[in-house]
Amino acid sequence: MTNPKESALQEPRRLACSRCGAEFGCDLSGTCWCAEETAKLPMPLAGEDCLCRECLRKAAAVALSSADSDDPSSRS
């Protein structure tokens, strides 16, 4: 008999992006595509699950631009 936890770890978890609805896979073994991304933030908002690559990149760009505009040293 196969342990359900072991078999679940072998196949990527299928998700729908919380923001755009695009389907993608999430590999819980630690080799998920998001580990390749330089942007580890933003974390999903309350009630959201993972974001697809494109939405993660867009959200990171918005967060970075917001942080830059809040940083007094970035103003001339």
C-alpha atoms as a PDB file:
ATOM      1  CA  MET A   1       0.000   0.000   0.000  1.00  0.00           C
ATOM      2  CA  THR A   2       1.295   3.457  -0.883  1.00  0.00           C
ATOM      3  CA  ASN A   3       1.535   6.177   1.726  1.00  0.00           C
ATOM      4  CA  PRO A   4      -0.716   9.038   0.463  1.00  0.00           C
ATOM      5  CA  LYS A   5       1.729  11.656   1.749  1.00  0.00           C
ATOM      6  CA  GLU A   6       4.594  10.128  -0.233  1.00  0.00           C
ATOM      7  CA  SER A   7       2.606   9.902  -3.458  1.00  0.00           C
ATOM      8  CA  ALA A   8       1.325  13.458  -3.032  1.00  0.00           C
ATOM      9  CA  LEU A   9       4.894  14.752  -2.852  1.00  0.00           C
ATOM     10  CA  GLN A  10       5.856  13.138  -6.142  1.00  0.00           C
ATOM     11  CA  GLU A  11       3.540  15.199  -8.299  1.00  0.00           C
ATOM     12  CA  PRO A  12       3.315  18.989  -8.310  1.00  0.00           C
ATOM     13  CA  ARG A  13       0.291  20.463  -6.613  1.00  0.00           C
ATOM     14  CA  ARG A  14      -2.032  22.032  -9.200  1.00  0.00           C
ATOM     15  CA  LEU A  15      -3.038  25.576  -8.317  1.00  0.00           C
ATOM     16  CA  ALA A  16      -4.926  28.464  -9.823  1.00  0.00           C
ATOM     17  CA  CYS A  17      -3.274  31.852  -9.348  1.00  0.00           C
ATOM     18  CA  SER A  18      -5.110  33.872  -6.717  1.00  0.00           C
ATOM     19  CA  ARG A  19      -4.917  36.980  -8.893  1.00  0.00           C
ATOM     20  CA  CYS A  20      -5.417  35.936 -12.528  1.00  0.00           C
ATOM     21  CA  GLY A  21      -6.668  32.353 -12.292  1.00  0.00           C
ATOM     22  CA  ALA A  22      -3.876  30.878 -14.449  1.00  0.00           C
ATOM     23  CA  GLU A  23      -3.184  27.236 -13.607  1.00  0.00           C
ATOM     24  CA  PHE A  24       0.320  26.176 -12.613  1.00  0.00           C
ATOM     25  CA  GLY A  25       2.140  23.501 -10.664  1.00  0.00           C
ATOM     26  CA  CYS A  26       3.743  23.883  -7.260  1.00  0.00           C
ATOM     27  CA  ASP A  27       6.369  21.296  -6.340  1.00  0.00           C
ATOM     28  CA  LEU A  28       6.334  20.963  -2.566  1.00  0.00           C
ATOM     29  CA  SER A  29       9.711  19.197  -2.604  1.00  0.00           C
ATOM     30  CA  GLY A  30      11.462  22.560  -2.669  1.00  0.00           C
ATOM     31  CA  THR A  31      12.177  22.609  -6.402  1.00  0.00           C
ATOM     32  CA  CYS A  32       9.216  24.838  -7.263  1.00  0.00           C
ATOM     33  CA  TRP A  33       9.747  27.403 -10.017  1.00  0.00           C
ATOM     34  CA  CYS A  34       9.288  30.177  -7.443  1.00  0.00           C
ATOM     35  CA  ALA A  35      12.571  29.144  -5.803  1.00  0.00           C
ATOM     36  CA  GLU A  36      14.257  30.296  -9.032  1.00  0.00           C
ATOM     37  CA  GLU A  37      12.758  33.778  -8.754  1.00  0.00           C
ATOM     38  CA  THR A  38      14.876  36.567  -7.299  1.00  0.00           C
ATOM     39  CA  ALA A  39      11.747  38.117  -5.787  1.00  0.00           C
ATOM     40  CA  LYS A  40      10.652  36.094  -2.773  1.00  0.00           C
ATOM     41  CA  LEU A  41       8.179  38.789  -1.894  1.00  0.00           C
ATOM     42  CA  PRO A  42       5.490  39.863  -1.896  1.00  0.00           C
ATOM     43  CA  MET A  43       3.835  37.190   0.086  1.00  0.00           C
ATOM     44  CA  PRO A  44       0.252  36.565  -0.970  1.00  0.00           C
ATOM     45  CA  LEU A  45      -2.313  38.789   0.708  1.00  0.00           C
ATOM     46  CA  ALA A  46      -4.595  37.388   3.394  1.00  0.00           C
ATOM     47  CA  GLY A  47      -6.883  34.802   1.840  1.00  0.00           C
ATOM     48  CA  GLU A  48      -4.645  34.301  -1.208  1.00  0.00           C
ATOM     49  CA  ASP A  49      -2.686  31.213  -2.129  1.00  0.00           C
ATOM     50  CA  CYS A  50       0.390  31.154  -4.372  1.00  0.00           C
ATOM     51  CA  LEU A  51       0.704  33.434  -7.369  1.00  0.00           C
ATOM     52  CA  CYS A  52       1.712  32.399 -10.873  1.00  0.00           C
ATOM     53  CA  ARG A  53       5.132  33.485 -12.122  1.00  0.00           C
ATOM     54  CA  GLU A  54       3.773  36.506 -14.025  1.00  0.00           C
ATOM     55  CA  CYS A  55       1.632  37.787 -11.138  1.00  0.00           C
ATOM     56  CA  LEU A  56       4.488  37.254  -8.662  1.00  0.00           C
ATOM     57  CA  ARG A  57       6.789  39.317 -10.874  1.00  0.00           C
ATOM     58  CA  LYS A  58       4.167  42.060 -11.312  1.00  0.00           C
ATOM     59  CA  ALA A  59       3.461  42.203  -7.572  1.00  0.00           C
ATOM     60  CA  ALA A  60       7.194  42.300  -6.803  1.00  0.00           C
ATOM     61  CA  ALA A  61       7.692  45.179  -9.258  1.00  0.00           C
ATOM     62  CA  VAL A  62       4.841  47.123  -7.647  1.00  0.00           C
ATOM     63  CA  ALA A  63       6.204  46.438  -4.155  1.00  0.00           C
ATOM     64  CA  LEU A  64       9.715  47.483  -5.223  1.00  0.00           C
ATOM     65  CA  SER A  65       8.502  50.695  -6.853  1.00  0.00           C
ATOM     66  CA  SER A  66       6.397  51.473  -3.784  1.00  0.00           C
ATOM     67  CA  ALA A  67       9.379  50.875  -1.483  1.00  0.00           C
ATOM     68  CA  ASP A  68      11.564  53.083  -3.690  1.00  0.00           C
ATOM     69  CA  SER A  69       9.040  55.927  -3.584  1.00  0.00           C
ATOM     70  CA  ASP A  70       8.886  55.642   0.235  1.00  0.00           C
ATOM     71  CA  ASP A  71      12.696  55.763   0.549  1.00  0.00           C
ATOM     72  CA  PRO A  72      13.826  59.377   1.133  1.00  0.00           C
ATOM     73  CA  SER A  73      17.332  58.534  -0.154  1.00  0.00           C
ATOM     74  CA  SER A  74      15.891  57.699  -3.579  1.00  0.00           C
ATOM     75  CA  ARG A  75      14.626  61.259  -4.033  1.00  0.00           C
ATOM     76  CA  SER A  76      16.733  63.951  -5.615  1.00  0.00           C
END
